[in-house]
């Protein structure tokens, strides 16, 4: 079986000096280990704030001889590259010295999983998680059979690594006279992994929504763009009691988020 030669860090291509695939495996012939149902935390995007986060990646592996191990790697690099040999960035697991936890459901099939540790301020031998790492990552999956044959799918699927977002809403004055002007403010922020703080997300479209008291559905009133600091502000006529909130649809680097509705009493 091939083993990884790096710790669970985001590594740059400059770190590859002297990296060689172990010679014992260089002549192996790949056979058809069947791979299916690969997912991260149940199929969700990977969202990280300023604190460390552990995620679980798992998949189902099948081979006539049975399954002994598996491996999952998040990586970036050119199409056709091998995430064990030539990559721009990658994220790997520390679990049990890179062995997956495989549980057999039959003589031929196992569900294998690994944990991946992410932390914006991670300093142990690698590059800390930085804002530039937010976005889409390729997922390499490797399954190893009991007869030591193996299959690697370098770009089995993709996943997104995103910067945790926050959104606030405040409507006033409260109470407000019917027909008077109501001002709704808020702020859209997201995790800044470079500076370990939450910073405003600039020039993003955010929907202002209203829910009439006694109902359960929000209706979009207008779309407002965030300022250079992530702030939002607009005015609307006060017509009836209800809740006002902001709703951000998200981007490839930042998850969708909805503010908690702010109730306004119209008199």
Protein backbone atom coordinates (compact mmCIF):
# COMPACT_ATOMS: atom_id res chain seq x y z
CA UNK A 1 0.00 0.00 0.00
CA UNK A 2 1.18 3.52 -0.71
CA UNK A 3 1.57 5.85 2.25
CA UNK A 4 1.52 9.64 2.43
CA UNK A 5 4.73 11.41 3.32
CA UNK A 6 3.25 14.62 4.72
CA UNK A 7 1.49 15.67 7.90
CA UNK A 8 -2.06 17.01 7.97
CA UNK A 9 -1.26 20.48 6.70
CA UNK A 10 -1.84 22.66 3.73
CA UNK A 11 1.38 22.20 1.78
CA UNK A 12 2.79 24.18 -1.13
CA UNK A 13 4.47 22.74 -4.17
CA UNK A 14 7.81 24.05 -2.89
CA UNK A 15 7.57 21.52 -0.06
CA UNK A 16 7.87 18.67 -2.54
CA UNK A 17 11.66 18.77 -2.86
CA UNK A 18 12.93 15.23 -2.41
CA UNK A 19 9.45 13.68 -2.29
CA UNK A 20 9.40 10.25 -3.93
CA UNK A 21 6.65 7.66 -4.08
CA UNK A 22 7.95 4.64 -2.12
CA UNK A 23 9.71 2.31 -4.55
CA UNK A 24 7.92 -0.75 -3.23
CA UNK A 25 4.72 0.57 -4.73
CA UNK A 26 6.00 2.18 -7.91
CA UNK A 27 5.29 -0.93 -9.98
CA UNK A 28 1.93 -1.83 -8.52
CA UNK A 29 -0.92 -2.44 -10.90
CA UNK A 30 -4.17 -0.69 -10.03
CA UNK A 31 -7.21 -2.94 -9.92
CA UNK A 32 -10.83 -2.10 -9.60
CA UNK A 33 -11.55 -1.28 -6.00
CA UNK A 34 -15.07 0.12 -6.32
CA UNK A 35 -15.58 3.49 -4.60
CA UNK A 36 -18.95 5.06 -3.81
CA UNK A 37 -20.88 7.33 -1.41
CA UNK A 38 -17.97 9.63 -0.53
CA UNK A 39 -19.10 12.56 1.61
CA UNK A 40 -17.83 15.20 4.03
CA UNK A 41 -19.91 15.68 7.15
CA UNK A 42 -22.94 14.22 5.41
CA UNK A 43 -22.41 16.02 2.12
CA UNK A 44 -22.14 19.57 3.45
CA UNK A 45 -19.58 22.19 2.53
CA UNK A 46 -16.68 22.55 4.96
CA UNK A 47 -17.29 25.76 6.90
CA UNK A 48 -14.58 26.99 9.28
CA UNK A 49 -14.65 30.01 11.58
CA UNK A 50 -11.75 31.14 13.73
CA UNK A 51 -11.67 28.03 15.90
CA UNK A 52 -10.33 24.61 15.03
CA UNK A 53 -12.71 22.17 13.38
CA UNK A 54 -12.61 18.43 12.87
CA UNK A 55 -14.50 17.00 9.91
CA UNK A 56 -15.20 13.41 8.95
CA UNK A 57 -14.91 12.11 5.41
CA UNK A 58 -16.18 8.65 4.57
CA UNK A 59 -16.88 6.35 1.65
CA UNK A 60 -17.85 2.82 0.68
CA UNK A 61 -15.22 0.51 -0.84
CA UNK A 62 -15.72 -2.90 -2.45
CA UNK A 63 -13.29 -5.54 -3.76
CA UNK A 64 -13.54 -9.35 -4.08
CA UNK A 65 -10.65 -9.83 -1.63
CA UNK A 66 -12.07 -7.37 0.91
CA UNK A 67 -10.86 -3.91 1.98
CA UNK A 68 -7.90 -3.21 4.26
CA UNK A 69 -7.55 0.59 4.07
CA UNK A 70 -8.55 3.82 2.37
CA UNK A 71 -7.30 7.37 2.04
CA UNK A 72 -8.87 10.78 1.35
CA UNK A 73 -7.02 13.94 0.25
CA UNK A 74 -8.28 17.44 -0.50
CA UNK A 75 -6.02 19.07 -3.05
CA UNK A 76 -5.51 21.70 -5.71
CA UNK A 77 -3.44 21.31 -8.82
CA UNK A 78 -3.56 20.80 -12.58
CA UNK A 79 -5.82 18.19 -14.10
CA UNK A 80 -4.01 14.90 -14.50
CA UNK A 81 -1.68 15.58 -11.56
CA UNK A 82 -1.27 13.12 -8.70
CA UNK A 83 -2.12 14.57 -5.26
CA UNK A 84 0.61 12.42 -3.73
CA UNK A 85 3.33 13.65 -6.07
CA UNK A 86 2.47 16.99 -7.71
CA UNK A 87 0.04 19.47 -6.20
CA UNK A 88 -0.28 23.15 -5.38
CA UNK A 89 -2.03 22.75 -2.02
CA UNK A 90 -3.44 19.80 -0.16
CA UNK A 91 -5.15 18.84 3.10
CA UNK A 92 -4.62 15.38 4.51
CA UNK A 93 -5.50 13.46 7.67
CA UNK A 94 -3.39 12.63 10.69
CA UNK A 95 -5.66 9.80 11.73
CA UNK A 96 -3.78 6.69 12.88
CA UNK A 97 -0.70 7.60 10.81
CA UNK A 98 -2.88 8.04 7.72
CA UNK A 99 -4.84 4.81 8.07
CA UNK A 100 -8.60 5.08 7.67
CA UNK A 101 -11.02 3.46 10.08
CA UNK A 102 -12.64 0.72 7.95
CA UNK A 103 -15.68 -1.24 9.14
CA UNK A 104 -16.69 -4.26 7.07
CA UNK A 105 -20.34 -4.75 6.19
CA UNK A 106 -19.58 -7.93 4.25
CA UNK A 107 -16.59 -9.99 3.09
CA UNK A 108 -16.11 -7.65 0.14
CA UNK A 109 -17.39 -4.22 1.29
CA UNK A 110 -16.30 -1.77 3.97
CA UNK A 111 -17.20 1.76 4.98
CA UNK A 112 -13.99 3.69 5.63
CA UNK A 113 -13.66 7.09 7.29
CA UNK A 114 -10.98 9.57 8.29
CA UNK A 115 -10.96 12.75 10.31
CA UNK A 116 -9.34 15.94 9.04
CA UNK A 117 -8.28 18.68 11.44
CA UNK A 118 -8.56 22.29 10.28
CA UNK A 119 -7.42 25.37 12.16
CA UNK A 120 -6.77 28.89 10.85
CA UNK A 121 -3.87 29.41 13.23
CA UNK A 122 -2.17 26.04 12.70
CA UNK A 123 1.63 26.43 12.95
CA UNK A 124 3.08 22.93 13.26
CA UNK A 125 5.31 22.46 10.24
CA UNK A 126 2.99 23.74 7.54
CA UNK A 127 1.18 26.73 6.16
CA UNK A 128 -1.66 28.12 8.29
CA UNK A 129 -5.14 28.06 6.79
CA UNK A 130 -5.36 31.33 4.85
CA UNK A 131 -8.13 33.25 3.11
CA UNK A 132 -6.74 32.12 -0.25
CA UNK A 133 -7.59 28.52 0.64
CA UNK A 134 -11.34 29.23 0.63
CA UNK A 135 -13.09 27.85 -2.43
CA UNK A 136 -13.34 24.59 -4.34
CA UNK A 137 -11.03 21.63 -3.70
CA UNK A 138 -10.63 18.37 -5.56
CA UNK A 139 -11.12 15.20 -3.54
CA UNK A 140 -8.76 12.30 -4.15
CA UNK A 141 -9.92 8.90 -2.89
CA UNK A 142 -7.83 5.76 -2.67
CA UNK A 143 -9.01 2.27 -1.71
CA UNK A 144 -6.68 -0.59 -0.83
CA UNK A 145 -7.83 -4.21 -1.06
CA UNK A 146 -6.77 -7.09 1.17
CA UNK A 147 -4.70 -8.51 -1.69
CA UNK A 148 -2.73 -5.19 -1.70
CA UNK A 149 -4.17 -4.04 -5.02
CA UNK A 150 -5.43 -0.48 -5.00
CA UNK A 151 -7.37 2.10 -6.93
CA UNK A 152 -6.89 5.86 -6.76
CA UNK A 153 -9.40 8.38 -8.10
CA UNK A 154 -7.43 11.62 -8.05
CA UNK A 155 -10.47 13.80 -8.80
CA UNK A 156 -13.30 11.66 -7.50
CA UNK A 157 -15.40 14.69 -6.58
CA UNK A 158 -15.06 18.25 -5.28
CA UNK A 159 -15.93 20.03 -2.07
CA UNK A 160 -15.91 23.62 -0.88
CA UNK A 161 -13.91 25.06 1.98
CA UNK A 162 -15.70 28.19 3.20
CA UNK A 163 -15.16 31.06 5.63
CA UNK A 164 -17.87 31.11 8.32
CA UNK A 165 -20.26 34.06 7.93
CA UNK A 166 -22.41 36.13 10.30
CA UNK A 167 -25.31 38.49 9.56
CA UNK A 168 -27.18 40.86 11.85
CA UNK A 169 -30.40 42.87 11.48
CA UNK A 170 -31.87 45.80 13.38
CA UNK A 171 -35.04 47.72 12.48
CA UNK A 172 -36.15 50.94 14.10
CA UNK A 173 -37.48 53.05 15.58
CA UNK A 174 -39.49 50.69 17.80
CA UNK A 175 -42.38 51.15 18.08
CA UNK A 176 -43.06 53.07 14.89
CA UNK A 177 -46.12 54.91 13.66
CA UNK A 178 -47.94 53.38 10.71
CA UNK A 179 -46.78 55.02 7.49
CA UNK A 180 -43.61 56.38 9.07
CA UNK A 181 -40.14 55.55 7.78
CA UNK A 182 -38.47 52.48 9.18
CA UNK A 183 -34.69 52.13 8.96
CA UNK A 184 -33.25 48.63 8.70
CA UNK A 185 -29.53 48.13 9.28
CA UNK A 186 -27.22 45.15 9.58
CA UNK A 187 -23.76 43.82 8.89
CA UNK A 188 -22.37 40.89 6.93
CA UNK A 189 -19.06 39.56 8.22
CA UNK A 190 -16.99 36.44 7.61
CA UNK A 191 -13.97 34.76 9.14
CA UNK A 192 -10.69 36.36 8.12
CA UNK A 193 -8.21 33.49 8.47
CA UNK A 194 -5.27 35.75 7.66
CA UNK A 195 -5.90 38.04 10.64
CA UNK A 196 -7.95 35.76 12.93
CA UNK A 197 -10.91 38.13 13.11
CA UNK A 198 -14.34 38.64 11.58
CA UNK A 199 -14.28 41.31 8.86
CA UNK A 200 -16.97 42.88 6.71
CA UNK A 201 -17.77 41.20 3.38
CA UNK A 202 -17.69 44.00 0.81
CA UNK A 203 -20.05 44.71 -2.10
CA UNK A 204 -22.31 41.69 -1.65
CA UNK A 205 -26.03 41.57 -2.59
CA UNK A 206 -28.20 40.89 0.45
CA UNK A 207 -31.98 40.58 0.43
CA UNK A 208 -34.12 42.52 2.87
CA UNK A 209 -37.07 40.34 3.87
CA UNK A 210 -40.26 40.84 5.89
CA UNK A 211 -42.54 38.39 7.71
CA UNK A 212 -45.93 39.61 8.86
CA UNK A 213 -46.75 38.86 12.49
CA UNK A 214 -48.72 35.63 12.79
CA UNK A 215 -47.29 34.14 9.57
CA UNK A 216 -44.31 31.89 8.85
CA UNK A 217 -43.10 33.03 5.43
CA UNK A 218 -40.61 35.80 4.64
CA UNK A 219 -41.05 37.90 1.49
CA UNK A 220 -38.19 39.73 -0.21
CA UNK A 221 -38.71 43.49 -0.25
CA UNK A 222 -35.50 44.67 -1.93
CA UNK A 223 -31.82 43.86 -2.47
CA UNK A 224 -29.11 46.02 -0.92
CA UNK A 225 -25.33 45.78 -1.39
CA UNK A 226 -22.95 45.79 1.55
CA UNK A 227 -20.60 48.73 2.07
CA UNK A 228 -16.81 48.62 2.25
CA UNK A 229 -17.17 47.50 5.88
CA UNK A 230 -19.92 44.96 5.23
CA UNK A 231 -22.64 47.25 6.60
CA UNK A 232 -26.21 47.37 5.30
CA UNK A 233 -28.77 50.14 5.59
CA UNK A 234 -32.04 51.01 3.88
CA UNK A 235 -35.42 52.53 4.61
CA UNK A 236 -38.95 51.21 4.11
CA UNK A 237 -42.43 52.47 5.04
CA UNK A 238 -43.85 50.92 8.21
CA UNK A 239 -47.17 49.28 7.39
CA UNK A 240 -47.83 46.42 9.81
CA UNK A 241 -46.38 44.47 12.72
CA UNK A 242 -43.76 41.96 11.72
CA UNK A 243 -40.17 40.77 11.51
CA UNK A 244 -37.40 42.22 9.38
CA UNK A 245 -34.26 40.32 8.43
CA UNK A 246 -31.38 40.19 5.95
CA UNK A 247 -30.75 37.08 3.83
CA UNK A 248 -27.39 36.43 2.11
CA UNK A 249 -27.31 33.72 -0.58
CA UNK A 250 -23.60 32.94 -0.14
CA UNK A 251 -20.68 32.56 -2.55
CA UNK A 252 -18.20 29.80 -3.38
CA UNK A 253 -15.97 30.97 -0.52
CA UNK A 254 -18.63 31.99 2.01
CA UNK A 255 -21.76 30.12 3.14
CA UNK A 256 -25.29 31.47 2.99
CA UNK A 257 -26.56 33.08 6.19
CA UNK A 258 -29.81 34.61 7.44
CA UNK A 259 -30.09 37.17 10.22
CA UNK A 260 -32.47 36.61 13.09
CA UNK A 261 -35.67 38.52 12.38
CA UNK A 262 -36.12 41.77 14.32
CA UNK A 263 -39.73 42.43 15.39
CA UNK A 264 -41.20 45.90 14.90
CA UNK A 265 -44.45 47.01 16.51
CA UNK A 266 -46.37 49.32 14.15
CA UNK A 267 -48.89 51.57 15.90
